[in-house]
Amino acid sequence: SYRAFSSTNAMIDMLARVQRMCEATGSAGTGSEMSKDYERIIQLRNESDENLDRSKYAHSSPSHTSGSGIRRAISFHSTSPTIRKSTEMITSPFYEYRSSLPQFQLQRLLDAFEKEQKSFNDESTRSIRALEERCRQFADNQAILQVRLLEKDSEIELLKAQLSTRTAADEQLRLMKVKLDNELLESKSKSDQIRVLTEQAEIVKKQHENEIREKDICISELFSKLKAAEDASKPAFEKTANLQSEIDGLKQQLAEKEADLQKCGNCYDEMRKAEQLIEQIRLERDEVRSTLNKIPTCVICLDKRVRLILIRNNSSKLIRDKID
């Protein structure tokens, strides 16, 4: 298998160094120097591999760390048929080793260069395709993110509106809280006033109960007095009842007379005349009374006044007036 160089320049530098070392080895011409040079090549290769590993560790990404790439030949420091052949060549006569080793190594390096170039081209193609795919994904992600950005902007505007609404609601709640606190204080003061008024009402209630008991005693006494007065005024009530019956009879007669007057042709004139006559009779009665009051007692019996009876006939109506 092959392990890729870090770059094409590194591979070309390695080829140039190996070529110079091979030329120096061909001019030296000793087997021990050839083996030392060979060991030097292997050491340089190992150092190059270590530098390559460090550079890959420092600059690699998860998308470029897969083992799909073609690795460069590690035949310098691994057991392979070619290495075995080269070690056999080391044990062969020195003139065969001197004639075959540089050309073989150059051929291997050229093959490695071609494979490295092919691997680099394949890797470049894959990288380009991966970059194109990433660009497409980036464009898609950018479109999605743009849509999400617009959605987030709308959400931000909505949240701003909700925040303003929440701020107004908080202000209303604050004002309501202040109002409720004031009402609570007012209610507390009113509760205190109600408590004081309740205590005063209890005192006034007790006073009123005492007054009511006293008034009840007075009322019972008044009822007893009233009953006694009713018993005493019972004859007066009977007399009043008799007078009321007489009044009812007179009212009935008056109603009959009014009915008779309504039957007359010109009842209103008759009524006015009757009223004038009644008024005249009243005046005469007053005059008679005043005259009687001036007359002394009877000279015969010396006890009663003279009784006068006045009789007037007006419109078929007899009116008697007794004057005491």
Protein backbone atom coordinates (compact mmCIF):
# COMPACT_ATOMS: atom_id res chain seq x y z
CA SER A 1 0.00 0.00 0.00
CA TYR A 2 0.97 3.65 -0.42
CA ARG A 3 0.82 6.62 1.90
CA ALA A 4 0.36 10.02 0.29
CA PHE A 5 2.91 12.81 0.68
CA SER A 6 1.80 16.02 2.31
CA SER A 7 2.22 17.82 -1.04
CA THR A 8 3.72 17.36 -4.50
CA ASN A 9 6.65 19.63 -3.62
CA ALA A 10 7.55 17.37 -0.70
CA MET A 11 7.57 14.35 -3.00
CA ILE A 12 9.76 16.12 -5.58
CA ASP A 13 12.15 17.21 -2.84
CA MET A 14 12.38 13.63 -1.63
CA LEU A 15 13.09 12.38 -5.17
CA ALA A 16 15.83 14.96 -5.63
CA ARG A 17 17.47 14.06 -2.32
CA VAL A 18 17.35 10.34 -3.11
CA GLN A 19 18.81 10.94 -6.55
CA ARG A 20 21.68 12.94 -5.10
CA MET A 21 22.33 10.29 -2.50
CA CYS A 22 22.29 7.57 -5.17
CA GLU A 23 24.78 9.50 -7.28
CA ALA A 24 27.02 9.96 -4.24
CA THR A 25 26.69 6.26 -3.47
CA GLY A 26 27.67 5.27 -7.06
CA SER A 27 30.87 7.35 -6.87
CA ALA A 28 31.84 5.87 -3.44
CA GLY A 29 31.80 2.18 -4.56
CA THR A 30 31.89 0.31 -1.21
CA GLY A 31 29.23 -2.08 0.19
CA SER A 32 29.32 -0.70 3.72
CA GLU A 33 28.77 2.84 2.44
CA MET A 34 25.89 1.58 0.28
CA SER A 35 24.19 0.01 3.28
CA LYS A 36 24.76 3.20 5.32
CA ASP A 37 23.23 5.28 2.51
CA TYR A 38 20.35 2.87 2.31
CA GLU A 39 19.77 3.23 6.04
CA ARG A 40 19.99 7.02 5.60
CA ILE A 41 17.27 6.88 2.92
CA ILE A 42 15.05 4.86 5.22
CA GLN A 43 15.65 7.36 8.05
CA LEU A 44 14.78 10.29 5.76
CA ARG A 45 11.67 8.45 4.66
CA ASN A 46 10.64 7.87 8.25
CA GLU A 47 11.24 11.54 9.11
CA SER A 48 9.19 12.57 6.08
CA ASP A 49 6.39 10.23 7.19
CA GLU A 50 6.50 11.68 10.70
CA ASN A 51 6.30 15.24 9.31
CA LEU A 52 3.45 14.12 7.10
CA ASP A 53 1.59 12.66 10.08
CA ARG A 54 2.11 15.86 12.08
CA SER A 55 0.88 18.06 9.22
CA LYS A 56 -2.16 15.83 8.71
CA TYR A 57 -2.93 15.88 12.42
CA ALA A 58 -2.65 19.69 12.52
CA HIS A 59 -4.61 20.48 9.30
CA SER A 60 -6.93 17.53 8.81
CA SER A 61 -10.75 17.68 9.19
CA PRO A 62 -13.29 14.90 9.83
CA SER A 63 -14.22 14.88 6.13
CA HIS A 64 -10.57 14.34 5.08
CA THR A 65 -9.44 11.73 7.59
CA SER A 66 -10.90 8.70 5.84
CA GLY A 67 -8.65 5.94 4.64
CA SER A 68 -9.96 5.98 1.06
CA GLY A 69 -6.89 7.76 -0.35
CA ILE A 70 -4.04 5.85 -1.94
CA ARG A 71 -1.06 5.62 0.43
CA ARG A 72 2.51 5.99 -0.69
CA ALA A 73 4.83 2.98 -0.78
CA ILE A 74 6.34 2.10 2.55
CA SER A 75 8.66 -0.49 1.12
CA PHE A 76 11.65 1.36 2.55
CA HIS A 77 10.77 0.27 6.05
CA SER A 78 8.41 -2.73 5.64
CA THR A 79 8.93 -6.35 4.85
CA SER A 80 7.93 -6.91 1.24
CA PRO A 81 9.19 -9.11 -1.60
CA THR A 82 10.93 -6.10 -3.06
CA ILE A 83 12.72 -5.44 0.25
CA ARG A 84 13.65 -9.07 0.49
CA LYS A 85 15.04 -8.89 -3.02
CA SER A 86 16.98 -5.76 -2.16
CA THR A 87 18.42 -7.41 0.95
CA GLU A 88 19.40 -10.38 -1.15
CA MET A 89 21.06 -7.96 -3.50
CA ILE A 90 22.97 -6.54 -0.54
CA THR A 91 24.34 -9.99 0.24
CA SER A 92 25.29 -10.52 -3.47
CA PRO A 93 28.52 -9.25 -4.90
CA PHE A 94 29.02 -5.49 -4.63
CA TYR A 95 29.22 -4.82 -8.36
CA GLU A 96 25.64 -6.17 -8.91
CA TYR A 97 24.31 -4.13 -5.97
CA ARG A 98 26.05 -0.98 -7.24
CA SER A 99 24.60 -1.38 -10.73
CA SER A 100 20.99 -2.31 -9.81
CA LEU A 101 20.08 -0.42 -6.60
CA PRO A 102 19.98 3.22 -7.85
CA GLN A 103 17.96 2.41 -10.98
CA PHE A 104 15.53 0.27 -8.99
CA GLN A 105 15.04 2.95 -6.39
CA LEU A 106 14.51 5.62 -9.02
CA GLN A 107 11.97 3.44 -10.77
CA ARG A 108 10.17 2.88 -7.50
CA LEU A 109 10.21 6.57 -6.76
CA LEU A 110 8.86 7.34 -10.23
CA ASP A 111 6.12 4.77 -9.77
CA ALA A 112 5.40 6.26 -6.38
CA PHE A 113 5.34 9.73 -7.97
CA GLU A 114 2.87 8.58 -10.64
CA LYS A 115 0.71 6.89 -8.05
CA GLU A 116 1.01 9.95 -5.84
CA GLN A 117 0.00 12.17 -8.75
CA LYS A 118 -2.93 9.91 -9.57
CA SER A 119 -3.90 9.82 -5.91
CA PHE A 120 -3.57 13.59 -5.74
CA ASN A 121 -5.74 13.99 -8.86
CA ASP A 122 -8.34 11.59 -7.50
CA GLU A 123 -8.25 13.28 -4.15
CA SER A 124 -8.51 16.70 -5.84
CA THR A 125 -11.50 15.47 -7.85
CA ARG A 126 -13.12 14.08 -4.72
CA SER A 127 -12.31 17.29 -2.87
CA ILE A 128 -13.81 19.38 -5.68
CA ARG A 129 -16.92 17.21 -5.71
CA ALA A 130 -17.11 17.35 -1.95
CA LEU A 131 -16.69 21.12 -2.07
CA GLU A 132 -19.38 21.39 -4.76
CA GLU A 133 -21.65 19.21 -2.65
CA ARG A 134 -20.85 21.32 0.38
CA CYS A 135 -21.55 24.47 -1.67
CA ARG A 136 -24.93 23.06 -2.69
CA GLN A 137 -25.63 22.08 0.89
CA PHE A 138 -24.47 25.51 1.99
CA ALA A 139 -26.81 27.16 -0.53
CA ASP A 140 -29.68 24.95 0.62
CA ASN A 141 -28.83 25.61 4.24
CA GLN A 142 -28.56 29.32 3.47
CA ALA A 143 -32.04 29.30 1.90
CA ILE A 144 -33.41 27.34 4.85
CA LEU A 145 -31.66 29.68 7.26
CA GLN A 146 -33.04 32.68 5.34
CA VAL A 147 -36.55 31.28 5.70
CA ARG A 148 -35.89 30.57 9.37
CA LEU A 149 -34.47 34.07 9.74
CA LEU A 150 -37.68 35.53 8.30
CA GLU A 151 -39.69 33.30 10.62
CA LYS A 152 -37.57 34.36 13.57
CA ASP A 153 -38.00 38.03 12.54
CA SER A 154 -41.77 37.55 12.47
CA GLU A 155 -41.56 35.77 15.82
CA ILE A 156 -39.46 38.64 17.18
CA GLU A 157 -42.03 41.17 15.97
CA LEU A 158 -44.79 39.07 17.50
CA LEU A 159 -42.84 38.82 20.74
CA LYS A 160 -42.27 42.58 20.67
CA ALA A 161 -46.01 43.11 20.24
CA GLN A 162 -46.67 40.63 23.02
CA LEU A 163 -44.05 42.39 25.13
CA SER A 164 -45.72 45.75 24.58
CA THR A 165 -49.08 44.17 25.37
CA ARG A 166 -47.56 42.53 28.42
CA THR A 167 -46.08 45.86 29.46
CA ALA A 168 -49.47 47.53 29.13
CA ALA A 169 -51.08 44.65 31.02
CA ASP A 170 -48.42 44.91 33.73
CA GLU A 171 -49.09 48.65 33.98
CA GLN A 172 -52.81 47.99 34.25
CA LEU A 173 -52.16 45.33 36.87
CA ARG A 174 -49.95 47.76 38.77
CA LEU A 175 -52.63 50.44 38.67
CA MET A 176 -55.24 47.88 39.66
CA LYS A 177 -53.02 46.72 42.51
CA VAL A 178 -52.62 50.31 43.69
CA LYS A 179 -56.37 50.79 43.42
CA LEU A 180 -57.03 47.56 45.30
CA ASP A 181 -54.52 48.55 47.97
CA ASN A 182 -56.27 51.89 48.38
CA GLU A 183 -59.64 50.15 48.48
CA LEU A 184 -58.23 47.69 51.01
CA LEU A 185 -57.05 50.53 53.22
CA GLU A 186 -60.38 52.26 52.80
CA SER A 187 -62.19 49.01 53.56
CA LYS A 188 -60.04 48.54 56.63
CA SER A 189 -60.83 52.05 57.83
CA LYS A 190 -64.51 51.44 57.12
CA SER A 191 -64.31 48.14 59.01
CA ASP A 192 -62.89 50.01 61.97
CA GLN A 193 -65.65 52.58 61.67
CA ILE A 194 -68.24 49.80 61.40
CA ARG A 195 -66.81 48.14 64.50
CA VAL A 196 -66.99 51.43 66.43
CA LEU A 197 -70.50 52.10 65.12
CA THR A 198 -71.51 48.54 66.02
CA GLU A 199 -70.33 49.07 69.58
CA GLN A 200 -72.17 52.37 69.70
CA ALA A 201 -75.25 50.69 68.20
CA GLU A 202 -75.12 48.02 70.90
CA ILE A 203 -75.05 50.73 73.56
CA VAL A 204 -77.89 52.63 71.86
CA LYS A 205 -79.81 49.36 71.46
CA LYS A 206 -79.58 48.68 75.18
CA GLN A 207 -80.75 52.23 75.89
CA HIS A 208 -83.64 51.81 73.44
CA GLU A 209 -84.59 48.49 75.01
CA ASN A 210 -84.75 50.18 78.39
CA GLU A 211 -86.79 53.01 76.90
CA ILE A 212 -89.06 50.48 75.15
CA ARG A 213 -89.70 48.69 78.43
CA GLU A 214 -90.55 52.00 80.04
CA LYS A 215 -92.78 52.94 77.08
CA ASP A 216 -94.50 49.55 77.27
CA ILE A 217 -95.28 50.20 80.92
CA CYS A 218 -96.63 53.64 80.00
CA ILE A 219 -98.65 52.16 77.12
CA SER A 220 -100.18 49.51 79.37
CA GLU A 221 -101.14 52.24 81.82
CA LEU A 222 -102.60 54.34 78.99
CA PHE A 223 -104.56 51.34 77.70
CA SER A 224 -106.02 50.82 81.15
CA LYS A 225 -106.93 54.53 81.30
CA LEU A 226 -108.36 54.33 77.78
CA LYS A 227 -110.50 51.37 78.74
CA ALA A 228 -111.77 53.26 81.73
CA ALA A 229 -112.46 56.31 79.54
CA GLU A 230 -114.28 54.10 77.02
CA ASP A 231 -116.41 52.70 79.79
CA ALA A 232 -117.09 56.23 80.95
CA SER A 233 -117.85 57.51 77.42
CA LYS A 234 -120.04 54.58 76.44
CA PRO A 235 -123.31 56.59 76.92
CA ALA A 236 -121.83 59.34 74.76
CA PHE A 237 -121.06 56.73 72.10
CA GLU A 238 -124.64 55.51 72.25
CA LYS A 239 -125.91 59.06 71.89
CA THR A 240 -123.48 59.56 69.00
CA ALA A 241 -124.81 56.37 67.40
CA ASN A 242 -128.36 57.64 67.71
CA LEU A 243 -127.39 60.98 66.23
CA GLN A 244 -125.58 59.16 63.45
CA SER A 245 -128.73 57.17 62.68
CA GLU A 246 -130.72 60.40 62.58
CA ILE A 247 -128.06 61.92 60.33
CA ASP A 248 -128.31 58.90 58.05
CA GLY A 249 -132.09 59.29 57.93
CA LEU A 250 -131.73 62.96 57.10
CA LYS A 251 -129.17 62.13 54.46
CA GLN A 252 -131.59 59.64 52.97
CA GLN A 253 -134.33 62.25 52.97
CA LEU A 254 -131.92 64.71 51.43
CA ALA A 255 -131.08 62.19 48.75
CA GLU A 256 -134.79 61.70 48.06
CA LYS A 257 -135.26 65.44 47.85
CA GLU A 258 -132.31 65.78 45.54
CA ALA A 259 -133.85 63.11 43.35
CA ASP A 260 -137.07 65.07 43.37
CA LEU A 261 -135.14 68.22 42.50
CA GLN A 262 -133.49 66.45 39.60
CA LYS A 263 -136.94 65.58 38.33
CA CYS A 264 -137.84 69.25 38.26
CA GLY A 265 -137.29 71.23 35.05
CA ASN A 266 -134.94 73.87 36.34
CA CYS A 267 -133.42 72.16 39.34
CA TYR A 268 -130.35 74.36 39.54
CA ASP A 269 -132.42 77.53 39.92
CA GLU A 270 -134.56 75.82 42.54
CA MET A 271 -131.47 74.72 44.40
CA ARG A 272 -130.01 78.19 44.30
CA LYS A 273 -133.30 79.59 45.55
CA ALA A 274 -133.43 76.94 48.28
CA GLU A 275 -129.86 77.75 49.29
CA GLN A 276 -130.70 81.45 49.37
CA LEU A 277 -133.78 80.63 51.45
CA ILE A 278 -131.74 78.45 53.79
CA GLU A 279 -129.21 81.20 54.13
CA GLN A 280 -131.98 83.68 54.86
CA ILE A 281 -133.48 81.30 57.44
CA ARG A 282 -130.08 80.93 59.04
CA LEU A 283 -129.73 84.70 59.24
CA GLU A 284 -133.19 84.98 60.76
CA ARG A 285 -132.34 82.19 63.20
CA ASP A 286 -129.21 84.01 64.21
CA GLU A 287 -131.19 87.19 64.71
CA VAL A 288 -133.79 85.31 66.76
CA ARG A 289 -131.13 83.70 68.87
CA SER A 290 -129.45 87.02 69.50
CA THR A 291 -132.84 88.47 70.41
CA LEU A 292 -133.64 85.56 72.70
CA ASN A 293 -130.34 85.94 74.41
CA LYS A 294 -131.28 89.50 75.21
CA ILE A 295 -134.72 88.51 76.62
CA PRO A 296 -134.71 87.82 80.39
CA THR A 297 -136.12 84.70 81.95
CA CYS A 298 -139.83 84.05 82.09
CA VAL A 299 -141.71 86.32 84.53
CA ILE A 300 -144.19 83.59 85.31
CA CYS A 301 -142.13 80.49 86.03
CA LEU A 302 -138.79 82.30 86.30
CA ASP A 303 -137.05 79.20 84.91
CA LYS A 304 -137.44 78.75 81.14
CA ARG A 305 -137.17 81.05 78.22
CA VAL A 306 -139.95 81.65 75.75
CA ARG A 307 -140.12 78.99 73.03
CA LEU A 308 -140.73 80.20 69.48
CA ILE A 309 -141.60 77.93 66.61
CA LEU A 310 -141.05 79.29 63.08
CA ILE A 311 -142.68 77.49 60.19
CA ARG A 312 -141.84 78.39 56.57
CA ASN A 313 -143.19 76.71 53.48
CA ASN A 314 -140.93 76.91 50.46
CA SER A 315 -141.32 74.69 47.42
CA SER A 316 -143.39 72.12 49.29
CA LYS A 317 -140.70 71.84 51.97
CA LEU A 318 -141.38 72.29 55.65
CA ILE A 319 -138.44 73.53 57.68
CA ARG A 320 -138.68 73.69 61.41
CA ASP A 321 -136.21 75.48 63.51
CA LYS A 322 -136.35 75.12 67.22
CA ILE A 323 -134.49 77.63 69.13
CA ASP A 324 -133.59 76.75 72.69
